[in-house]
Amino acid sequence: MASKTDPLAALRARLLTELPDDIAQARDAYHRLAGEAAGIMDAKEFSTHQAACKAALRHLESLIKLLRWASDGAEPTSNDANNGQTSSIDRLISEARSELSKL
């Protein structure tokens, strides 16, 4: 009898290979979108732009949460080997939130 591959394990493996690039693309798109705020906008355009930036940031956070799940689902602690990577991700999110609060 042939052994079946665990579908969750297969999904996790696929996500671990694809999500880093997806996160980088989402981050780059967010930076482009956030940079558009420098243009002259009326109040309605500004409100729409700010909502789009917040949605992009939530999308980025969702991708990061999915990557954490795929990495074994455990939230990293200060004793984890990849804490430096997690810290840089958390720092990116914090910086993005800070920039949004300035808008």
PDB file of N, CA and C in Angstrom:
ATOM      1  N   MET A   1       0.838  -1.177   0.000  1.00  0.00           N
ATOM      2  CA  MET A   1       0.000   0.000   0.000  1.00  0.00           C
ATOM      3  C   MET A   1       0.890   1.249   0.000  1.00  0.00           C
ATOM      4  N   ALA A   2       0.627   2.183  -0.910  1.00  0.00           N
ATOM      5  CA  ALA A   2       1.433   3.396  -1.017  1.00  0.00           C
ATOM      6  C   ALA A   2       1.085   4.346   0.116  1.00  0.00           C
ATOM      7  N   SER A   3       2.106   4.949   0.680  1.00  0.00           N
ATOM      8  CA  SER A   3       1.858   5.891   1.770  1.00  0.00           C
ATOM      9  C   SER A   3       1.437   7.235   1.179  1.00  0.00           C
ATOM     10  N   LYS A   4       0.475   7.839   1.822  1.00  0.00           N
ATOM     11  CA  LYS A   4      -0.021   9.140   1.366  1.00  0.00           C
ATOM     12  C   LYS A   4       0.769  10.234   2.065  1.00  0.00           C
ATOM     13  N   THR A   5       1.021  11.300   1.334  1.00  0.00           N
ATOM     14  CA  THR A   5       1.684  12.460   1.915  1.00  0.00           C
ATOM     15  C   THR A   5       0.662  13.224   2.744  1.00  0.00           C
ATOM     16  N   ASP A   6       1.066  13.631   3.931  1.00  0.00           N
ATOM     17  CA  ASP A   6       0.203  14.437   4.793  1.00  0.00           C
ATOM     18  C   ASP A   6      -0.082  15.763   4.084  1.00  0.00           C
ATOM     19  N   PRO A   7      -1.354  16.068   3.790  1.00  0.00           N
ATOM     20  CA  PRO A   7      -1.657  17.303   3.054  1.00  0.00           C
ATOM     21  C   PRO A   7      -1.224  18.569   3.793  1.00  0.00           C
ATOM     22  N   LEU A   8      -1.312  18.575   5.120  1.00  0.00           N
ATOM     23  CA  LEU A   8      -0.857  19.763   5.867  1.00  0.00           C
ATOM     24  C   LEU A   8       0.647  19.921   5.783  1.00  0.00           C
ATOM     25  N   ALA A   9       1.364  18.806   5.852  1.00  0.00           N
ATOM     26  CA  ALA A   9       2.826  18.877   5.734  1.00  0.00           C
ATOM     27  C   ALA A   9       3.215  19.368   4.343  1.00  0.00           C
ATOM     28  N   ALA A  10       2.508  18.905   3.326  1.00  0.00           N
ATOM     29  CA  ALA A  10       2.789  19.356   1.960  1.00  0.00           C
ATOM     30  C   ALA A  10       2.487  20.849   1.820  1.00  0.00           C
ATOM     31  N   LEU A  11       1.383  21.291   2.412  1.00  0.00           N
ATOM     32  CA  LEU A  11       1.036  22.714   2.368  1.00  0.00           C
ATOM     33  C   LEU A  11       2.088  23.549   3.088  1.00  0.00           C
ATOM     34  N   ARG A  12       2.483  23.109   4.276  1.00  0.00           N
ATOM     35  CA  ARG A  12       3.516  23.846   5.030  1.00  0.00           C
ATOM     36  C   ARG A  12       4.802  23.950   4.227  1.00  0.00           C
ATOM     37  N   ALA A  13       5.221  22.849   3.604  1.00  0.00           N
ATOM     38  CA  ALA A  13       6.460  22.858   2.815  1.00  0.00           C
ATOM     39  C   ALA A  13       6.352  23.833   1.650  1.00  0.00           C
ATOM     40  N   ARG A  14       5.209  23.831   0.979  1.00  0.00           N
ATOM     41  CA  ARG A  14       5.015  24.744  -0.142  1.00  0.00           C
ATOM     42  C   ARG A  14       5.019  26.191   0.329  1.00  0.00           C
ATOM     43  N   LEU A  15       4.313  26.463   1.415  1.00  0.00           N
ATOM     44  CA  LEU A  15       4.267  27.830   1.944  1.00  0.00           C
ATOM     45  C   LEU A  15       5.651  28.309   2.370  1.00  0.00           C
ATOM     46  N   LEU A  16       6.438  27.421   2.966  1.00  0.00           N
ATOM     47  CA  LEU A  16       7.783  27.816   3.407  1.00  0.00           C
ATOM     48  C   LEU A  16       8.670  28.211   2.237  1.00  0.00           C
ATOM     49  N   THR A  17       8.434  27.625   1.071  1.00  0.00           N
ATOM     50  CA  THR A  17       9.249  28.001  -0.084  1.00  0.00           C
ATOM     51  C   THR A  17       8.702  29.235  -0.799  1.00  0.00           C
ATOM     52  N   GLU A  18       7.379  29.429  -0.777  1.00  0.00           N
ATOM     53  CA  GLU A  18       6.779  30.521  -1.542  1.00  0.00           C
ATOM     54  C   GLU A  18       6.549  31.811  -0.755  1.00  0.00           C
ATOM     55  N   LEU A  19       6.248  31.694   0.531  1.00  0.00           N
ATOM     56  CA  LEU A  19       5.872  32.885   1.305  1.00  0.00           C
ATOM     57  C   LEU A  19       6.958  33.942   1.435  1.00  0.00           C
ATOM     58  N   PRO A  20       8.233  33.577   1.604  1.00  0.00           N
ATOM     59  CA  PRO A  20       9.230  34.662   1.702  1.00  0.00           C
ATOM     60  C   PRO A  20       9.208  35.605   0.495  1.00  0.00           C
ATOM     61  N   ASP A  21       9.075  35.055  -0.714  1.00  0.00           N
ATOM     62  CA  ASP A  21       8.992  35.918  -1.897  1.00  0.00           C
ATOM     63  C   ASP A  21       7.683  36.703  -1.921  1.00  0.00           C
ATOM     64  N   ASP A  22       6.590  36.048  -1.517  1.00  0.00           N
ATOM     65  CA  ASP A  22       5.304  36.741  -1.464  1.00  0.00           C
ATOM     66  C   ASP A  22       5.348  37.904  -0.478  1.00  0.00           C
ATOM     67  N   ILE A  23       5.979  37.685   0.663  1.00  0.00           N
ATOM     68  CA  ILE A  23       6.101  38.738   1.674  1.00  0.00           C
ATOM     69  C   ILE A  23       6.942  39.893   1.141  1.00  0.00           C
ATOM     70  N   ALA A  24       8.028  39.569   0.459  1.00  0.00           N
ATOM     71  CA  ALA A  24       8.882  40.619  -0.108  1.00  0.00           C
ATOM     72  C   ALA A  24       8.112  41.436  -1.149  1.00  0.00           C
ATOM     73  N   GLN A  25       7.322  40.765  -1.987  1.00  0.00           N
ATOM     74  CA  GLN A  25       6.533  41.479  -2.993  1.00  0.00           C
ATOM     75  C   GLN A  25       5.468  42.361  -2.332  1.00  0.00           C
ATOM     76  N   ALA A  26       4.808  41.831  -1.304  1.00  0.00           N
ATOM     77  CA  ALA A  26       3.793  42.615  -0.590  1.00  0.00           C
ATOM     78  C   ALA A  26       4.431  43.816   0.097  1.00  0.00           C
ATOM     79  N   ARG A  27       5.604  43.617   0.667  1.00  0.00           N
ATOM     80  CA  ARG A  27       6.314  44.720   1.327  1.00  0.00           C
ATOM     81  C   ARG A  27       6.677  45.805   0.322  1.00  0.00           C
ATOM     82  N   ASP A  28       7.187  45.384  -0.844  1.00  0.00           N
ATOM     83  CA  ASP A  28       7.553  46.356  -1.873  1.00  0.00           C
ATOM     84  C   ASP A  28       6.325  47.117  -2.374  1.00  0.00           C
ATOM     85  N   ALA A  29       5.220  46.405  -2.555  1.00  0.00           N
ATOM     86  CA  ALA A  29       3.982  47.054  -2.996  1.00  0.00           C
ATOM     87  C   ALA A  29       3.497  48.040  -1.938  1.00  0.00           C
ATOM     88  N   TYR A  30       3.607  47.657  -0.669  1.00  0.00           N
ATOM     89  CA  TYR A  30       3.207  48.566   0.409  1.00  0.00           C
ATOM     90  C   TYR A  30       4.059  49.835   0.389  1.00  0.00           C
ATOM     91  N   HIS A  31       5.370  49.666   0.221  1.00  0.00           N
ATOM     92  CA  HIS A  31       6.252  50.841   0.190  1.00  0.00           C
ATOM     93  C   HIS A  31       5.898  51.770  -0.969  1.00  0.00           C
ATOM     94  N   ARG A  32       5.589  51.190  -2.133  1.00  0.00           N
ATOM     95  CA  ARG A  32       5.187  52.029  -3.275  1.00  0.00           C
ATOM     96  C   ARG A  32       3.883  52.750  -2.968  1.00  0.00           C
ATOM     97  N   LEU A  33       2.927  52.020  -2.424  1.00  0.00           N
ATOM     98  CA  LEU A  33       1.629  52.613  -2.108  1.00  0.00           C
ATOM     99  C   LEU A  33       1.774  53.715  -1.059  1.00  0.00           C
ATOM    100  N   ALA A  34       2.532  53.439  -0.002  1.00  0.00           N
ATOM    101  CA  ALA A  34       2.711  54.432   1.056  1.00  0.00           C
ATOM    102  C   ALA A  34       3.439  55.662   0.533  1.00  0.00           C
ATOM    103  N   GLY A  35       4.355  55.468  -0.409  1.00  0.00           N
ATOM    104  CA  GLY A  35       5.109  56.586  -0.969  1.00  0.00           C
ATOM    105  C   GLY A  35       4.268  57.541  -1.785  1.00  0.00           C
ATOM    106  N   GLU A  36       3.132  57.081  -2.253  1.00  0.00           N
ATOM    107  CA  GLU A  36       2.258  57.931  -3.045  1.00  0.00           C
ATOM    108  C   GLU A  36       1.625  59.042  -2.209  1.00  0.00           C
ATOM    109  N   ALA A  37       1.727  58.946  -0.903  1.00  0.00           N
ATOM    110  CA  ALA A  37       1.131  59.952  -0.024  1.00  0.00           C
ATOM    111  C   ALA A  37       1.791  61.312  -0.194  1.00  0.00           C
ATOM    112  N   ALA A  38       2.986  61.325  -0.776  1.00  0.00           N
ATOM    113  CA  ALA A  38       3.688  62.595  -0.947  1.00  0.00           C
ATOM    114  C   ALA A  38       2.986  63.498  -1.970  1.00  0.00           C
ATOM    115  N   GLY A  39       2.141  62.911  -2.822  1.00  0.00           N
ATOM    116  CA  GLY A  39       1.418  63.704  -3.823  1.00  0.00           C
ATOM    117  C   GLY A  39       0.348  64.564  -3.181  1.00  0.00           C
ATOM    118  N   ILE A  40      -0.146  65.493  -3.935  1.00  0.00           N
ATOM    119  CA  ILE A  40      -1.200  66.381  -3.445  1.00  0.00           C
ATOM    120  C   ILE A  40      -2.523  65.641  -3.560  1.00  0.00           C
ATOM    121  N   MET A  41      -3.227  65.542  -2.435  1.00  0.00           N
ATOM    122  CA  MET A  41      -4.506  64.842  -2.404  1.00  0.00           C
ATOM    123  C   MET A  41      -5.528  65.696  -1.673  1.00  0.00           C
ATOM    124  N   ASP A  42      -6.772  65.577  -2.122  1.00  0.00           N
ATOM    125  CA  ASP A  42      -7.829  66.212  -1.349  1.00  0.00           C
ATOM    126  C   ASP A  42      -8.204  65.259  -0.204  1.00  0.00           C
ATOM    127  N   ALA A  43      -9.109  65.663   0.643  1.00  0.00           N
ATOM    128  CA  ALA A  43      -9.443  64.878   1.844  1.00  0.00           C
ATOM    129  C   ALA A  43      -9.978  63.490   1.481  1.00  0.00           C
ATOM    130  N   LYS A  44     -10.799  63.408   0.459  1.00  0.00           N
ATOM    131  CA  LYS A  44     -11.364  62.119   0.058  1.00  0.00           C
ATOM    132  C   LYS A  44     -10.276  61.191  -0.478  1.00  0.00           C
ATOM    133  N   GLU A  45      -9.408  61.722  -1.328  1.00  0.00           N
ATOM    134  CA  GLU A  45      -8.306  60.915  -1.866  1.00  0.00           C
ATOM    135  C   GLU A  45      -7.380  60.445  -0.748  1.00  0.00           C
ATOM    136  N   PHE A  46      -7.107  61.333   0.193  1.00  0.00           N
ATOM    137  CA  PHE A  46      -6.235  60.985   1.305  1.00  0.00           C
ATOM    138  C   PHE A  46      -6.844  59.863   2.142  1.00  0.00           C
ATOM    139  N   SER A  47      -8.135  59.968   2.432  1.00  0.00           N
ATOM    140  CA  SER A  47      -8.816  58.952   3.216  1.00  0.00           C
ATOM    141  C   SER A  47      -8.787  57.604   2.502  1.00  0.00           C
ATOM    142  N   THR A  48      -9.042  57.618   1.206  1.00  0.00           N
ATOM    143  CA  THR A  48      -8.996  56.389   0.411  1.00  0.00           C
ATOM    144  C   THR A  48      -7.589  55.811   0.401  1.00  0.00           C
ATOM    145  N   HIS A  49      -6.602  56.672   0.249  1.00  0.00           N
ATOM    146  CA  HIS A  49      -5.202  56.227   0.240  1.00  0.00           C
ATOM    147  C   HIS A  49      -4.816  55.616   1.579  1.00  0.00           C
ATOM    148  N   GLN A  50      -5.208  56.255   2.663  1.00  0.00           N
ATOM    149  CA  GLN A  50      -4.885  55.741   3.984  1.00  0.00           C
ATOM    150  C   GLN A  50      -5.548  54.380   4.205  1.00  0.00           C
ATOM    151  N   ALA A  51      -6.771  54.220   3.769  1.00  0.00           N
ATOM    152  CA  ALA A  51      -7.469  52.928   3.892  1.00  0.00           C
ATOM    153  C   ALA A  51      -6.744  51.854   3.078  1.00  0.00           C
ATOM    154  N   ALA A  52      -6.254  52.206   1.898  1.00  0.00           N
ATOM    155  CA  ALA A  52      -5.520  51.255   1.069  1.00  0.00           C
ATOM    156  C   ALA A  52      -4.209  50.850   1.741  1.00  0.00           C
ATOM    157  N   CYS A  53      -3.521  51.801   2.358  1.00  0.00           N
ATOM    158  CA  CYS A  53      -2.280  51.497   3.067  1.00  0.00           C
ATOM    159  C   CYS A  53      -2.551  50.551   4.239  1.00  0.00           C
ATOM    160  N   LYS A  54      -3.609  50.802   4.977  1.00  0.00           N
ATOM    161  CA  LYS A  54      -3.947  49.937   6.104  1.00  0.00           C
ATOM    162  C   LYS A  54      -4.298  48.531   5.639  1.00  0.00           C
ATOM    163  N   ALA A  55      -5.014  48.428   4.535  1.00  0.00           N
ATOM    164  CA  ALA A  55      -5.363  47.111   3.988  1.00  0.00           C
ATOM    165  C   ALA A  55      -4.101  46.370   3.537  1.00  0.00           C
ATOM    166  N   ALA A  56      -3.183  47.088   2.912  1.00  0.00           N
ATOM    167  CA  ALA A  56      -1.932  46.470   2.469  1.00  0.00           C
ATOM    168  C   ALA A  56      -1.123  45.984   3.671  1.00  0.00           C
ATOM    169  N   LEU A  57      -1.124  46.758   4.725  1.00  0.00           N
ATOM    170  CA  LEU A  57      -0.398  46.365   5.933  1.00  0.00           C
ATOM    171  C   LEU A  57      -1.025  45.134   6.575  1.00  0.00           C
ATOM    172  N   ARG A  58      -2.356  45.070   6.611  1.00  0.00           N
ATOM    173  CA  ARG A  58      -3.043  43.880   7.149  1.00  0.00           C
ATOM    174  C   ARG A  58      -2.730  42.651   6.306  1.00  0.00           C
ATOM    175  N   HIS A  59      -2.649  42.825   4.992  1.00  0.00           N
ATOM    176  CA  HIS A  59      -2.296  41.725   4.100  1.00  0.00           C
ATOM    177  C   HIS A  59      -0.894  41.229   4.419  1.00  0.00           C
ATOM    178  N   LEU A  60       0.034  42.142   4.604  1.00  0.00           N
ATOM    179  CA  LEU A  60       1.406  41.776   4.944  1.00  0.00           C
ATOM    180  C   LEU A  60       1.455  41.036   6.277  1.00  0.00           C
ATOM    181  N   GLU A  61       0.725  41.520   7.261  1.00  0.00           N
ATOM    182  CA  GLU A  61       0.671  40.847   8.563  1.00  0.00           C
ATOM    183  C   GLU A  61       0.092  39.435   8.430  1.00  0.00           C
ATOM    184  N   SER A  62      -0.916  39.269   7.589  1.00  0.00           N
ATOM    185  CA  SER A  62      -1.516  37.949   7.389  1.00  0.00           C
ATOM    186  C   SER A  62      -0.520  36.982   6.760  1.00  0.00           C
ATOM    187  N   LEU A  63       0.253  37.461   5.799  1.00  0.00           N
ATOM    188  CA  LEU A  63       1.269  36.610   5.184  1.00  0.00           C
ATOM    189  C   LEU A  63       2.320  36.190   6.210  1.00  0.00           C
ATOM    190  N   ILE A  64       2.694  37.112   7.085  1.00  0.00           N
ATOM    191  CA  ILE A  64       3.688  36.798   8.120  1.00  0.00           C
ATOM    192  C   ILE A  64       3.129  35.781   9.099  1.00  0.00           C
ATOM    193  N   LYS A  65       1.874  35.933   9.496  1.00  0.00           N
ATOM    194  CA  LYS A  65       1.249  34.953  10.390  1.00  0.00           C
ATOM    195  C   LYS A  65       1.188  33.581   9.737  1.00  0.00           C
ATOM    196  N   LEU A  66       0.885  33.555   8.456  1.00  0.00           N
ATOM    197  CA  LEU A  66       0.843  32.288   7.729  1.00  0.00           C
ATOM    198  C   LEU A  66       2.230  31.653   7.671  1.00  0.00           C
ATOM    199  N   LEU A  67       3.252  32.466   7.480  1.00  0.00           N
ATOM    200  CA  LEU A  67       4.622  31.951   7.480  1.00  0.00           C
ATOM    201  C   LEU A  67       4.982  31.379   8.844  1.00  0.00           C
ATOM    202  N   ARG A  68       4.573  32.058   9.903  1.00  0.00           N
ATOM    203  CA  ARG A  68       4.835  31.543  11.249  1.00  0.00           C
ATOM    204  C   ARG A  68       4.143  30.198  11.458  1.00  0.00           C
ATOM    205  N   TRP A  69       2.895  30.074  10.980  1.00  0.00           N
ATOM    206  CA  TRP A  69       2.181  28.803  11.088  1.00  0.00           C
ATOM    207  C   TRP A  69       2.910  27.720  10.307  1.00  0.00           C
ATOM    208  N   ALA A  70       3.339  28.050   9.111  1.00  0.00           N
ATOM    209  CA  ALA A  70       4.026  27.071   8.275  1.00  0.00           C
ATOM    210  C   ALA A  70       5.364  26.663   8.882  1.00  0.00           C
ATOM    211  N   SER A  71       5.945  27.551   9.669  1.00  0.00           N
ATOM    212  CA  SER A  71       7.232  27.272  10.307  1.00  0.00           C
ATOM    213  C   SER A  71       7.094  26.421  11.553  1.00  0.00           C
ATOM    214  N   ASP A  72       5.897  25.963  11.837  1.00  0.00           N
ATOM    215  CA  ASP A  72       5.594  25.066  12.944  1.00  0.00           C
ATOM    216  C   ASP A  72       4.542  25.646  13.853  1.00  0.00           C
ATOM    217  N   GLY A  73       4.053  26.793  13.516  1.00  0.00           N
ATOM    218  CA  GLY A  73       2.928  27.350  14.232  1.00  0.00           C
ATOM    219  C   GLY A  73       3.236  28.014  15.549  1.00  0.00           C
ATOM    220  N   ALA A  74       4.412  27.831  16.073  1.00  0.00           N
ATOM    221  CA  ALA A  74       4.742  28.404  17.378  1.00  0.00           C
ATOM    222  C   ALA A  74       5.186  29.850  17.210  1.00  0.00           C
ATOM    223  N   GLU A  75       4.727  30.686  18.094  1.00  0.00           N
ATOM    224  CA  GLU A  75       5.210  32.060  18.113  1.00  0.00           C
ATOM    225  C   GLU A  75       6.645  32.063  18.645  1.00  0.00           C
ATOM    226  N   PRO A  76       7.555  32.731  17.954  1.00  0.00           N
ATOM    227  CA  PRO A  76       8.949  32.747  18.398  1.00  0.00           C
ATOM    228  C   PRO A  76       9.110  33.443  19.744  1.00  0.00           C
ATOM    229  N   THR A  77      10.079  32.986  20.492  1.00  0.00           N
ATOM    230  CA  THR A  77      10.437  33.631  21.753  1.00  0.00           C
ATOM    231  C   THR A  77      11.858  34.137  21.637  1.00  0.00           C
ATOM    232  N   SER A  78      12.335  34.819  22.644  1.00  0.00           N
ATOM    233  CA  SER A  78      13.693  35.371  22.584  1.00  0.00           C
ATOM    234  C   SER A  78      14.755  34.279  22.548  1.00  0.00           C
ATOM    235  N   ASN A  79      14.394  33.046  22.869  1.00  0.00           N
ATOM    236  CA  ASN A  79      15.349  31.945  22.838  1.00  0.00           C
ATOM    237  C   ASN A  79      15.374  31.228  21.496  1.00  0.00           C
ATOM    238  N   ASP A  80      14.482  31.574  20.573  1.00  0.00           N
ATOM    239  CA  ASP A  80      14.432  30.893  19.282  1.00  0.00           C
ATOM    240  C   ASP A  80      15.599  31.315  18.410  1.00  0.00           C
ATOM    241  N   ALA A  81      16.028  30.378  17.556  1.00  0.00           N
ATOM    242  CA  ALA A  81      17.159  30.641  16.670  1.00  0.00           C
ATOM    243  C   ALA A  81      16.835  31.718  15.637  1.00  0.00           C
ATOM    244  N   ASN A  82      15.578  31.794  15.150  1.00  0.00           N
ATOM    245  CA  ASN A  82      15.253  32.792  14.146  1.00  0.00           C
ATOM    246  C   ASN A  82      14.622  34.036  14.746  1.00  0.00           C
ATOM    247  N   ASN A  83      14.924  34.318  15.972  1.00  0.00           N
ATOM    248  CA  ASN A  83      14.369  35.519  16.596  1.00  0.00           C
ATOM    249  C   ASN A  83      14.828  36.783  15.877  1.00  0.00           C
ATOM    250  N   GLY A  84      16.039  36.796  15.363  1.00  0.00           N
ATOM    251  CA  GLY A  84      16.513  37.965  14.630  1.00  0.00           C
ATOM    252  C   GLY A  84      15.656  38.250  13.425  1.00  0.00           C
ATOM    253  N   GLN A  85      15.246  37.199  12.698  1.00  0.00           N
ATOM    254  CA  GLN A  85      14.388  37.378  11.542  1.00  0.00           C
ATOM    255  C   GLN A  85      13.018  37.872  11.982  1.00  0.00           C
ATOM    256  N   THR A  86      12.488  37.288  13.030  1.00  0.00           N
ATOM    257  CA  THR A  86      11.182  37.706  13.521  1.00  0.00           C
ATOM    258  C   THR A  86      11.249  39.151  13.989  1.00  0.00           C
ATOM    259  N   SER A  87      12.332  39.513  14.664  1.00  0.00           N
ATOM    260  CA  SER A  87      12.469  40.890  15.132  1.00  0.00           C
ATOM    261  C   SER A  87      12.460  41.867  13.970  1.00  0.00           C
ATOM    262  N   SER A  88      13.110  41.514  12.862  1.00  0.00           N
ATOM    263  CA  SER A  88      13.131  42.419  11.715  1.00  0.00           C
ATOM    264  C   SER A  88      11.749  42.523  11.089  1.00  0.00           C
ATOM    265  N   ILE A  89      10.988  41.426  11.072  1.00  0.00           N
ATOM    266  CA  ILE A  89       9.621  41.463  10.558  1.00  0.00           C
ATOM    267  C   ILE A  89       8.758  42.324  11.462  1.00  0.00           C
ATOM    268  N   ASP A  90       8.854  42.091  12.766  1.00  0.00           N
ATOM    269  CA  ASP A  90       8.073  42.896  13.711  1.00  0.00           C
ATOM    270  C   ASP A  90       8.463  44.367  13.627  1.00  0.00           C
ATOM    271  N   ARG A  91       9.737  44.634  13.432  1.00  0.00           N
ATOM    272  CA  ARG A  91      10.209  46.019  13.298  1.00  0.00           C
ATOM    273  C   ARG A  91       9.622  46.654  12.033  1.00  0.00           C
ATOM    274  N   LEU A  92       9.566  45.902  10.924  1.00  0.00           N
ATOM    275  CA  LEU A  92       8.994  46.408   9.691  1.00  0.00           C
ATOM    276  C   LEU A  92       7.528  46.780   9.893  1.00  0.00           C
ATOM    277  N   ILE A  93       6.788  45.909  10.570  1.00  0.00           N
ATOM    278  CA  ILE A  93       5.374  46.187  10.833  1.00  0.00           C
ATOM    279  C   ILE A  93       5.232  47.424  11.708  1.00  0.00           C
ATOM    280  N   SER A  94       6.078  47.529  12.728  1.00  0.00           N
ATOM    281  CA  SER A  94       6.029  48.679  13.620  1.00  0.00           C
ATOM    282  C   SER A  94       6.337  49.973  12.869  1.00  0.00           C
ATOM    283  N   GLU A  95       7.345  49.931  11.999  1.00  0.00           N
ATOM    284  CA  GLU A  95       7.699  51.123  11.215  1.00  0.00           C
ATOM    285  C   GLU A  95       6.565  51.513  10.279  1.00  0.00           C
ATOM    286  N   ALA A  96       5.939  50.515   9.669  1.00  0.00           N
ATOM    287  CA  ALA A  96       4.836  50.802   8.757  1.00  0.00           C
ATOM    288  C   ALA A  96       3.672  51.433   9.518  1.00  0.00           C
ATOM    289  N   ARG A  97       3.365  50.903  10.695  1.00  0.00           N
ATOM    290  CA  ARG A  97       2.293  51.487  11.506  1.00  0.00           C
ATOM    291  C   ARG A  97       2.623  52.924  11.892  1.00  0.00           C
ATOM    292  N   SER A  98       3.876  53.159  12.228  1.00  0.00           N
ATOM    293  CA  SER A  98       4.310  54.500  12.596  1.00  0.00           C
ATOM    294  C   SER A  98       4.129  55.463  11.423  1.00  0.00           C
ATOM    295  N   GLU A  99       4.507  55.019  10.218  1.00  0.00           N
ATOM    296  CA  GLU A  99       4.349  55.869   9.046  1.00  0.00           C
ATOM    297  C   GLU A  99       2.877  56.152   8.770  1.00  0.00           C
ATOM    298  N   LEU A 100       2.028  55.137   8.955  1.00  0.00           N
ATOM    299  CA  LEU A 100       0.598  55.345   8.737  1.00  0.00           C
ATOM    300  C   LEU A 100       0.018  56.341   9.735  1.00  0.00           C
ATOM    301  N   SER A 101       0.530  56.322  10.959  1.00  0.00           N
ATOM    302  CA  SER A 101      -0.004  57.239  11.965  1.00  0.00           C
ATOM    303  C   SER A 101       0.360  58.692  11.648  1.00  0.00           C
ATOM    304  N   LYS A 102       1.386  58.905  10.834  1.00  0.00           N
ATOM    305  CA  LYS A 102       1.794  60.254  10.453  1.00  0.00           C
ATOM    306  C   LYS A 102       0.912  60.824   9.351  1.00  0.00           C
ATOM    307  N   LEU A 103       0.189  59.944   8.651  1.00  0.00           N
ATOM    308  CA  LEU A 103      -0.632  60.403   7.516  1.00  0.00           C
ATOM    309  C   LEU A 103      -1.833  61.192   7.968  1.00  0.00           C
TER     310      LEU A 103
END
